[in-house]
PDB file of N, CA and C in Angstrom:
ATOM      1  N   MET A   1       0.824  -1.197   0.000  1.00  0.00           N
ATOM      2  CA  MET A   1       0.000   0.000   0.000  1.00  0.00           C
ATOM      3  C   MET A   1       0.864   1.256   0.000  1.00  0.00           C
ATOM      4  N   GLU A   2       2.006   1.178   0.702  1.00  0.00           N
ATOM      5  CA  GLU A   2       2.899   2.327   0.757  1.00  0.00           C
ATOM      6  C   GLU A   2       3.457   2.641  -0.627  1.00  0.00           C
ATOM      7  N   PHE A   3       3.749   1.587  -1.392  1.00  0.00           N
ATOM      8  CA  PHE A   3       4.258   1.800  -2.744  1.00  0.00           C
ATOM      9  C   PHE A   3       3.209   2.468  -3.622  1.00  0.00           C
ATOM     10  N   LEU A   4       1.953   2.068  -3.468  1.00  0.00           N
ATOM     11  CA  LEU A   4       0.872   2.664  -4.253  1.00  0.00           C
ATOM     12  C   LEU A   4       0.698   4.144  -3.900  1.00  0.00           C
ATOM     13  N   ASP A   5       0.789   4.473  -2.594  1.00  0.00           N
ATOM     14  CA  ASP A   5       0.713   5.873  -2.186  1.00  0.00           C
ATOM     15  C   ASP A   5       1.860   6.678  -2.795  1.00  0.00           C
ATOM     16  N   PHE A   6       3.042   6.102  -2.767  1.00  0.00           N
ATOM     17  CA  PHE A   6       4.199   6.790  -3.333  1.00  0.00           C
ATOM     18  C   PHE A   6       4.041   6.973  -4.839  1.00  0.00           C
ATOM     19  N   LEU A   7       3.503   5.959  -5.502  1.00  0.00           N
ATOM     20  CA  LEU A   7       3.345   6.004  -6.946  1.00  0.00           C
ATOM     21  C   LEU A   7       2.279   7.019  -7.355  1.00  0.00           C
ATOM     22  N   VAL A   8       1.154   7.030  -6.657  1.00  0.00           N
ATOM     23  CA  VAL A   8       0.042   7.909  -7.021  1.00  0.00           C
ATOM     24  C   VAL A   8       0.274   9.332  -6.521  1.00  0.00           C
ATOM     25  N   LEU A   9       0.659   9.461  -5.251  1.00  0.00           N
ATOM     26  CA  LEU A   9       0.766  10.776  -4.644  1.00  0.00           C
ATOM     27  C   LEU A   9       2.160  11.379  -4.745  1.00  0.00           C
ATOM     28  N   GLY A  10       3.133  10.582  -5.016  1.00  0.00           N
ATOM     29  CA  GLY A  10       4.484  11.089  -5.116  1.00  0.00           C
ATOM     30  C   GLY A  10       5.113  11.372  -3.774  1.00  0.00           C
ATOM     31  N   ALA A  11       4.628  10.778  -2.713  1.00  0.00           N
ATOM     32  CA  ALA A  11       5.173  11.007  -1.375  1.00  0.00           C
ATOM     33  C   ALA A  11       4.941   9.772  -0.529  1.00  0.00           C
ATOM     34  N   LYS A  12       5.692   9.672   0.548  1.00  0.00           N
ATOM     35  CA  LYS A  12       5.467   8.578   1.482  1.00  0.00           C
ATOM     36  C   LYS A  12       4.163   8.812   2.221  1.00  0.00           C
ATOM     37  N   ALA A  13       3.495   7.748   2.565  1.00  0.00           N
ATOM     38  CA  ALA A  13       2.242   7.867   3.303  1.00  0.00           C
ATOM     39  C   ALA A  13       2.532   8.464   4.676  1.00  0.00           C
ATOM     40  N   GLY A  14       1.783   9.488   5.029  1.00  0.00           N
ATOM     41  CA  GLY A  14       1.927  10.096   6.335  1.00  0.00           C
ATOM     42  C   GLY A  14       2.905  11.254   6.384  1.00  0.00           C
ATOM     43  N   SER A  15       3.686  11.447   5.348  1.00  0.00           N
ATOM     44  CA  SER A  15       4.623  12.567   5.357  1.00  0.00           C
ATOM     45  C   SER A  15       4.429  13.389   4.082  1.00  0.00           C
ATOM     46  N   ASP A  16       4.538  14.670   4.220  1.00  0.00           N
ATOM     47  CA  ASP A  16       4.436  15.613   3.101  1.00  0.00           C
ATOM     48  C   ASP A  16       3.063  15.631   2.443  1.00  0.00           C
ATOM     49  N   LEU A  17       2.070  15.040   3.065  1.00  0.00           N
ATOM     50  CA  LEU A  17       0.728  15.107   2.515  1.00  0.00           C
ATOM     51  C   LEU A  17      -0.019  16.258   3.193  1.00  0.00           C
ATOM     52  N   PRO A  18      -0.855  16.972   2.456  1.00  0.00           N
ATOM     53  CA  PRO A  18      -1.569  18.090   3.067  1.00  0.00           C
ATOM     54  C   PRO A  18      -2.583  17.614   4.098  1.00  0.00           C
ATOM     55  N   THR A  19      -2.751  18.408   5.134  1.00  0.00           N
ATOM     56  CA  THR A  19      -3.720  18.097   6.166  1.00  0.00           C
ATOM     57  C   THR A  19      -4.868  19.094   6.076  1.00  0.00           C
ATOM     58  N   LEU A  20      -5.879  18.881   6.898  1.00  0.00           N
ATOM     59  CA  LEU A  20      -7.017  19.783   6.899  1.00  0.00           C
ATOM     60  C   LEU A  20      -6.614  21.174   7.366  1.00  0.00           C
ATOM     61  N   GLY A  21      -5.685  21.254   8.306  1.00  0.00           N
ATOM     62  CA  GLY A  21      -5.197  22.545   8.779  1.00  0.00           C
ATOM     63  C   GLY A  21      -4.502  23.328   7.678  1.00  0.00           C
ATOM     64  N   ASP A  22      -3.722  22.620   6.845  1.00  0.00           N
ATOM     65  CA  ASP A  22      -3.058  23.279   5.723  1.00  0.00           C
ATOM     66  C   ASP A  22      -4.076  23.806   4.723  1.00  0.00           C
ATOM     67  N   LEU A  23      -5.115  23.028   4.466  1.00  0.00           N
ATOM     68  CA  LEU A  23      -6.149  23.449   3.526  1.00  0.00           C
ATOM     69  C   LEU A  23      -6.915  24.654   4.057  1.00  0.00           C
ATOM     70  N   LYS A  24      -7.201  24.660   5.354  1.00  0.00           N
ATOM     71  CA  LYS A  24      -7.897  25.782   5.974  1.00  0.00           C
ATOM     72  C   LYS A  24      -7.045  27.050   5.905  1.00  0.00           C
ATOM     73  N   SER A  25      -5.764  26.918   6.171  1.00  0.00           N
ATOM     74  CA  SER A  25      -4.847  28.053   6.099  1.00  0.00           C
ATOM     75  C   SER A  25      -4.761  28.582   4.675  1.00  0.00           C
ATOM     76  N   TRP A  26      -4.705  27.687   3.710  1.00  0.00           N
ATOM     77  CA  TRP A  26      -4.639  28.096   2.313  1.00  0.00           C
ATOM     78  C   TRP A  26      -5.910  28.833   1.901  1.00  0.00           C
ATOM     79  N   ALA A  27      -7.078  28.344   2.337  1.00  0.00           N
ATOM     80  CA  ALA A  27      -8.343  28.988   1.989  1.00  0.00           C
ATOM     81  C   ALA A  27      -8.428  30.385   2.602  1.00  0.00           C
ATOM     82  N   LYS A  28      -7.966  30.536   3.850  1.00  0.00           N
ATOM     83  CA  LYS A  28      -7.945  31.860   4.473  1.00  0.00           C
ATOM     84  C   LYS A  28      -7.071  32.822   3.688  1.00  0.00           C
ATOM     85  N   GLN A  29      -5.928  32.334   3.254  1.00  0.00           N
ATOM     86  CA  GLN A  29      -5.004  33.174   2.515  1.00  0.00           C
ATOM     87  C   GLN A  29      -5.601  33.603   1.174  1.00  0.00           C
ATOM     88  N   VAL A  30      -6.312  32.711   0.512  1.00  0.00           N
ATOM     89  CA  VAL A  30      -6.937  33.041  -0.766  1.00  0.00           C
ATOM     90  C   VAL A  30      -8.028  34.089  -0.575  1.00  0.00           C
ATOM     91  N   VAL A  31      -8.830  33.952   0.479  1.00  0.00           N
ATOM     92  CA  VAL A  31      -9.886  34.933   0.753  1.00  0.00           C
ATOM     93  C   VAL A  31      -9.278  36.293   1.066  1.00  0.00           C
ATOM     94  N   GLU A  32      -8.213  36.320   1.864  1.00  0.00           N
ATOM     95  CA  GLU A  32      -7.545  37.590   2.176  1.00  0.00           C
ATOM     96  C   GLU A  32      -7.003  38.248   0.915  1.00  0.00           C
ATOM     97  N   GLN A  33      -6.390  37.476   0.054  1.00  0.00           N
ATOM     98  CA  GLN A  33      -5.843  38.036  -1.177  1.00  0.00           C
ATOM     99  C   GLN A  33      -6.941  38.560  -2.089  1.00  0.00           C
ATOM    100  N   ALA A  34      -8.090  37.889  -2.124  1.00  0.00           N
ATOM    101  CA  ALA A  34      -9.217  38.375  -2.918  1.00  0.00           C
ATOM    102  C   ALA A  34      -9.714  39.713  -2.376  1.00  0.00           C
ATOM    103  N   ILE A  35      -9.776  39.831  -1.038  1.00  0.00           N
ATOM    104  CA  ILE A  35     -10.192  41.101  -0.429  1.00  0.00           C
ATOM    105  C   ILE A  35      -9.208  42.200  -0.798  1.00  0.00           C
ATOM    106  N   TYR A  36      -7.912  41.905  -0.734  1.00  0.00           N
ATOM    107  CA  TYR A  36      -6.901  42.897  -1.079  1.00  0.00           C
ATOM    108  C   TYR A  36      -7.007  43.334  -2.539  1.00  0.00           C
ATOM    109  N   ILE A  37      -7.214  42.380  -3.437  1.00  0.00           N
ATOM    110  CA  ILE A  37      -7.291  42.709  -4.868  1.00  0.00           C
ATOM    111  C   ILE A  37      -8.501  43.590  -5.160  1.00  0.00           C
ATOM    112  N   VAL A  38      -9.654  43.234  -4.601  1.00  0.00           N
ATOM    113  CA  VAL A  38     -10.863  44.042  -4.821  1.00  0.00           C
ATOM    114  C   VAL A  38     -10.681  45.426  -4.214  1.00  0.00           C
ATOM    115  N   THR A  39     -10.057  45.504  -3.044  1.00  0.00           N
ATOM    116  CA  THR A  39      -9.831  46.796  -2.400  1.00  0.00           C
ATOM    117  C   THR A  39      -8.925  47.684  -3.242  1.00  0.00           C
ATOM    118  N   ILE A  40      -7.853  47.133  -3.763  1.00  0.00           N
ATOM    119  CA  ILE A  40      -6.950  47.918  -4.601  1.00  0.00           C
ATOM    120  C   ILE A  40      -7.665  48.426  -5.834  1.00  0.00           C
ATOM    121  N   PHE A  41      -8.480  47.583  -6.450  1.00  0.00           N
ATOM    122  CA  PHE A  41      -9.230  48.003  -7.636  1.00  0.00           C
ATOM    123  C   PHE A  41     -10.176  49.164  -7.314  1.00  0.00           C
ATOM    124  N   VAL A  42     -10.933  49.029  -6.225  1.00  0.00           N
ATOM    125  CA  VAL A  42     -11.907  50.068  -5.865  1.00  0.00           C
ATOM    126  C   VAL A  42     -11.205  51.356  -5.446  1.00  0.00           C
ATOM    127  N   VAL A  43     -10.090  51.233  -4.709  1.00  0.00           N
ATOM    128  CA  VAL A  43      -9.346  52.425  -4.311  1.00  0.00           C
ATOM    129  C   VAL A  43      -8.797  53.148  -5.532  1.00  0.00           C
ATOM    130  N   CYS A  44      -8.286  52.419  -6.501  1.00  0.00           N
ATOM    131  CA  CYS A  44      -7.791  53.054  -7.736  1.00  0.00           C
ATOM    132  C   CYS A  44      -8.927  53.760  -8.474  1.00  0.00           C
ATOM    133  N   LYS A  45     -10.088  53.139  -8.480  1.00  0.00           N
ATOM    134  CA  LYS A  45     -11.250  53.754  -9.135  1.00  0.00           C
ATOM    135  C   LYS A  45     -11.623  55.066  -8.455  1.00  0.00           C
ATOM    136  N   PHE A  46     -11.644  55.073  -7.104  1.00  0.00           N
ATOM    137  CA  PHE A  46     -11.988  56.289  -6.379  1.00  0.00           C
ATOM    138  C   PHE A  46     -10.843  57.302  -6.392  1.00  0.00           C
ATOM    139  N   LEU A  47      -9.613  56.838  -6.571  1.00  0.00           N
ATOM    140  CA  LEU A  47      -8.478  57.748  -6.651  1.00  0.00           C
ATOM    141  C   LEU A  47      -8.551  58.588  -7.919  1.00  0.00           C
ATOM    142  N   ILE A  48      -9.039  57.992  -8.980  1.00  0.00           N
ATOM    143  CA  ILE A  48      -9.205  58.728 -10.232  1.00  0.00           C
ATOM    144  C   ILE A  48     -10.241  59.835 -10.060  1.00  0.00           C
ATOM    145  N   LYS A  49     -11.293  59.543  -9.303  1.00  0.00           N
ATOM    146  CA  LYS A  49     -12.350  60.532  -9.062  1.00  0.00           C
ATOM    147  C   LYS A  49     -12.020  61.476  -7.914  1.00  0.00           C
ATOM    148  N   MET A  50     -10.883  61.238  -7.220  1.00  0.00           N
ATOM    149  CA  MET A  50     -10.437  62.054  -6.088  1.00  0.00           C
ATOM    150  C   MET A  50     -11.460  62.057  -4.948  1.00  0.00           C
ATOM    151  N   SER A  51     -12.034  60.898  -4.653  1.00  0.00           N
ATOM    152  CA  SER A  51     -12.979  60.750  -3.547  1.00  0.00           C
ATOM    153  C   SER A  51     -12.232  60.197  -2.335  1.00  0.00           C
ATOM    154  N   ILE A  52     -11.629  61.090  -1.570  1.00  0.00           N
ATOM    155  CA  ILE A  52     -10.781  60.684  -0.459  1.00  0.00           C
ATOM    156  C   ILE A  52     -11.598  60.002   0.644  1.00  0.00           C
ATOM    157  N   GLY A  53     -12.789  60.508   0.931  1.00  0.00           N
ATOM    158  CA  GLY A  53     -13.633  59.912   1.966  1.00  0.00           C
ATOM    159  C   GLY A  53     -14.021  58.482   1.636  1.00  0.00           C
ATOM    160  N   LYS A  54     -14.322  58.227   0.374  1.00  0.00           N
ATOM    161  CA  LYS A  54     -14.668  56.864  -0.044  1.00  0.00           C
ATOM    162  C   LYS A  54     -13.460  55.940   0.032  1.00  0.00           C
ATOM    163  N   ILE A  55     -12.279  56.464  -0.264  1.00  0.00           N
ATOM    164  CA  ILE A  55     -11.054  55.658  -0.183  1.00  0.00           C
ATOM    165  C   ILE A  55     -10.816  55.228   1.262  1.00  0.00           C
ATOM    166  N   VAL A  56     -10.958  56.183   2.192  1.00  0.00           N
ATOM    167  CA  VAL A  56     -10.762  55.861   3.602  1.00  0.00           C
ATOM    168  C   VAL A  56     -11.804  54.846   4.063  1.00  0.00           C
ATOM    169  N   GLY A  57     -13.045  54.995   3.625  1.00  0.00           N
ATOM    170  CA  GLY A  57     -14.100  54.055   3.987  1.00  0.00           C
ATOM    171  C   GLY A  57     -13.843  52.654   3.456  1.00  0.00           C
ATOM    172  N   ILE A  58     -13.386  52.555   2.219  1.00  0.00           N
ATOM    173  CA  ILE A  58     -13.098  51.245   1.623  1.00  0.00           C
ATOM    174  C   ILE A  58     -11.932  50.571   2.349  1.00  0.00           C
ATOM    175  N   ILE A  59     -10.912  51.347   2.697  1.00  0.00           N
ATOM    176  CA  ILE A  59      -9.769  50.764   3.408  1.00  0.00           C
ATOM    177  C   ILE A  59     -10.191  50.285   4.796  1.00  0.00           C
ATOM    178  N   ALA A  60     -11.048  51.055   5.477  1.00  0.00           N
ATOM    179  CA  ALA A  60     -11.540  50.633   6.791  1.00  0.00           C
ATOM    180  C   ALA A  60     -12.381  49.361   6.676  1.00  0.00           C
ATOM    181  N   LEU A  61     -13.235  49.291   5.662  1.00  0.00           N
ATOM    182  CA  LEU A  61     -14.048  48.092   5.448  1.00  0.00           C
ATOM    183  C   LEU A  61     -13.188  46.880   5.131  1.00  0.00           C
ATOM    184  N   ALA A  62     -12.181  47.071   4.292  1.00  0.00           N
ATOM    185  CA  ALA A  62     -11.305  45.958   3.928  1.00  0.00           C
ATOM    186  C   ALA A  62     -10.520  45.464   5.145  1.00  0.00           C
ATOM    187  N   SER A  63     -10.058  46.392   5.975  1.00  0.00           N
ATOM    188  CA  SER A  63      -9.308  45.954   7.163  1.00  0.00           C
ATOM    189  C   SER A  63     -10.224  45.214   8.133  1.00  0.00           C
ATOM    190  N   ALA A  64     -11.478  45.624   8.245  1.00  0.00           N
ATOM    191  CA  ALA A  64     -12.427  44.901   9.099  1.00  0.00           C
ATOM    192  C   ALA A  64     -12.700  43.501   8.543  1.00  0.00           C
ATOM    193  N   LEU A  65     -12.815  43.379   7.237  1.00  0.00           N
ATOM    194  CA  LEU A  65     -13.044  42.067   6.621  1.00  0.00           C
ATOM    195  C   LEU A  65     -11.846  41.138   6.812  1.00  0.00           C
ATOM    196  N   VAL A  66     -10.646  41.662   6.651  1.00  0.00           N
ATOM    197  CA  VAL A  66      -9.450  40.841   6.842  1.00  0.00           C
ATOM    198  C   VAL A  66      -9.335  40.414   8.307  1.00  0.00           C
ATOM    199  N   PHE A  67      -9.661  41.319   9.236  1.00  0.00           N
ATOM    200  CA  PHE A  67      -9.657  40.952  10.655  1.00  0.00           C
ATOM    201  C   PHE A  67     -10.660  39.831  10.917  1.00  0.00           C
ATOM    202  N   ALA A  68     -11.845  39.925  10.304  1.00  0.00           N
ATOM    203  CA  ALA A  68     -12.866  38.903  10.507  1.00  0.00           C
ATOM    204  C   ALA A  68     -12.421  37.553   9.942  1.00  0.00           C
ATOM    205  N   VAL A  69     -11.733  37.577   8.819  1.00  0.00           N
ATOM    206  CA  VAL A  69     -11.261  36.325   8.224  1.00  0.00           C
ATOM    207  C   VAL A  69     -10.170  35.704   9.087  1.00  0.00           C
ATOM    208  N   ARG A  70      -9.246  36.513   9.568  1.00  0.00           N
ATOM    209  CA  ARG A  70      -8.131  35.990  10.371  1.00  0.00           C
ATOM    210  C   ARG A  70      -8.579  35.526  11.755  1.00  0.00           C
ATOM    211  N   ASN A  71      -9.600  36.158  12.316  1.00  0.00           N
ATOM    212  CA  ASN A  71     -10.058  35.849  13.674  1.00  0.00           C
ATOM    213  C   ASN A  71     -11.521  35.402  13.654  1.00  0.00           C
ATOM    214  N   TRP A  72     -11.833  34.432  12.821  1.00  0.00           N
ATOM    215  CA  TRP A  72     -13.213  34.019  12.607  1.00  0.00           C
ATOM    216  C   TRP A  72     -13.874  33.521  13.885  1.00  0.00           C
ATOM    217  N   SER A  73     -13.174  32.734  14.675  1.00  0.00           N
ATOM    218  CA  SER A  73     -13.784  32.193  15.895  1.00  0.00           C
ATOM    219  C   SER A  73     -14.093  33.309  16.890  1.00  0.00           C
ATOM    220  N   MET A  74     -13.243  34.327  16.971  1.00  0.00           N
ATOM    221  CA  MET A  74     -13.496  35.448  17.868  1.00  0.00           C
ATOM    222  C   MET A  74     -14.722  36.244  17.415  1.00  0.00           C
ATOM    223  N   VAL A  75     -14.823  36.481  16.117  1.00  0.00           N
ATOM    224  CA  VAL A  75     -15.942  37.261  15.581  1.00  0.00           C
ATOM    225  C   VAL A  75     -17.262  36.518  15.763  1.00  0.00           C
ATOM    226  N   THR A  76     -17.258  35.209  15.530  1.00  0.00           N
ATOM    227  CA  THR A  76     -18.494  34.445  15.738  1.00  0.00           C
ATOM    228  C   THR A  76     -18.850  34.376  17.217  1.00  0.00           C
ATOM    229  N   GLY A  77     -17.830  34.369  18.083  1.00  0.00           N
ATOM    230  CA  GLY A  77     -18.093  34.420  19.525  1.00  0.00           C
ATOM    231  C   GLY A  77     -18.756  35.728  19.930  1.00  0.00           C
ATOM    232  N   TRP A  78     -18.293  36.832  19.330  1.00  0.00           N
ATOM    233  CA  TRP A  78     -18.917  38.134  19.590  1.00  0.00           C
ATOM    234  C   TRP A  78     -20.364  38.133  19.118  1.00  0.00           C
ATOM    235  N   GLY A  79     -20.606  37.536  17.941  1.00  0.00           N
ATOM    236  CA  GLY A  79     -21.967  37.465  17.421  1.00  0.00           C
ATOM    237  C   GLY A  79     -22.883  36.643  18.318  1.00  0.00           C
ATOM    238  N   GLY A  80     -22.364  35.527  18.804  1.00  0.00           N
ATOM    239  CA  GLY A  80     -23.154  34.688  19.710  1.00  0.00           C
ATOM    240  C   GLY A  80     -23.459  35.396  21.022  1.00  0.00           C
ATOM    241  N   ALA A  81     -22.461  36.126  21.555  1.00  0.00           N
ATOM    242  CA  ALA A  81     -22.677  36.886  22.801  1.00  0.00           C
ATOM    243  C   ALA A  81     -23.699  37.999  22.599  1.00  0.00           C
ATOM    244  N   LEU A  82     -23.639  38.634  21.432  1.00  0.00           N
ATOM    245  CA  LEU A  82     -24.604  39.695  21.129  1.00  0.00           C
ATOM    246  C   LEU A  82     -26.011  39.133  21.012  1.00  0.00           C
ATOM    247  N   LEU A  83     -26.161  37.967  20.409  1.00  0.00           N
ATOM    248  CA  LEU A  83     -27.473  37.366  20.297  1.00  0.00           C
ATOM    249  C   LEU A  83     -28.029  36.925  21.654  1.00  0.00           C
ATOM    250  N   LYS A  84     -27.129  36.498  22.553  1.00  0.00           N
ATOM    251  CA  LYS A  84     -27.590  36.126  23.894  1.00  0.00           C
ATOM    252  C   LYS A  84     -28.095  37.337  24.664  1.00  0.00           C
ATOM    253  N   LEU A  85     -27.506  38.510  24.398  1.00  0.00           N
ATOM    254  CA  LEU A  85     -27.953  39.736  25.055  1.00  0.00           C
ATOM    255  C   LEU A  85     -29.355  40.145  24.578  1.00  0.00           C
ATOM    256  N   LEU A  86     -29.665  39.849  23.346  1.00  0.00           N
ATOM    257  CA  LEU A  86     -30.956  40.221  22.783  1.00  0.00           C
ATOM    258  C   LEU A  86     -31.975  39.210  23.231  1.00  0.00           C
TER     259      LEU A  86
END
């Protein structure tokens, strides 16, 4: 079975194979990069129009989104606590 894993996957079984934690980290990184790309595009669009207030608002929104992605368990905990208060 080990030979088949090496032949198909190109690695020894149990070593150098991706885990669920690696996949979760990769997905977080992709979402963060998507937020950054969209933010840069929108900021450039508003920079052409010289809308400084909108640029500051977009940057604040993007930083809040990146914080939420990086600290998802904390943000959902805040949401749960807020719902318990209501």
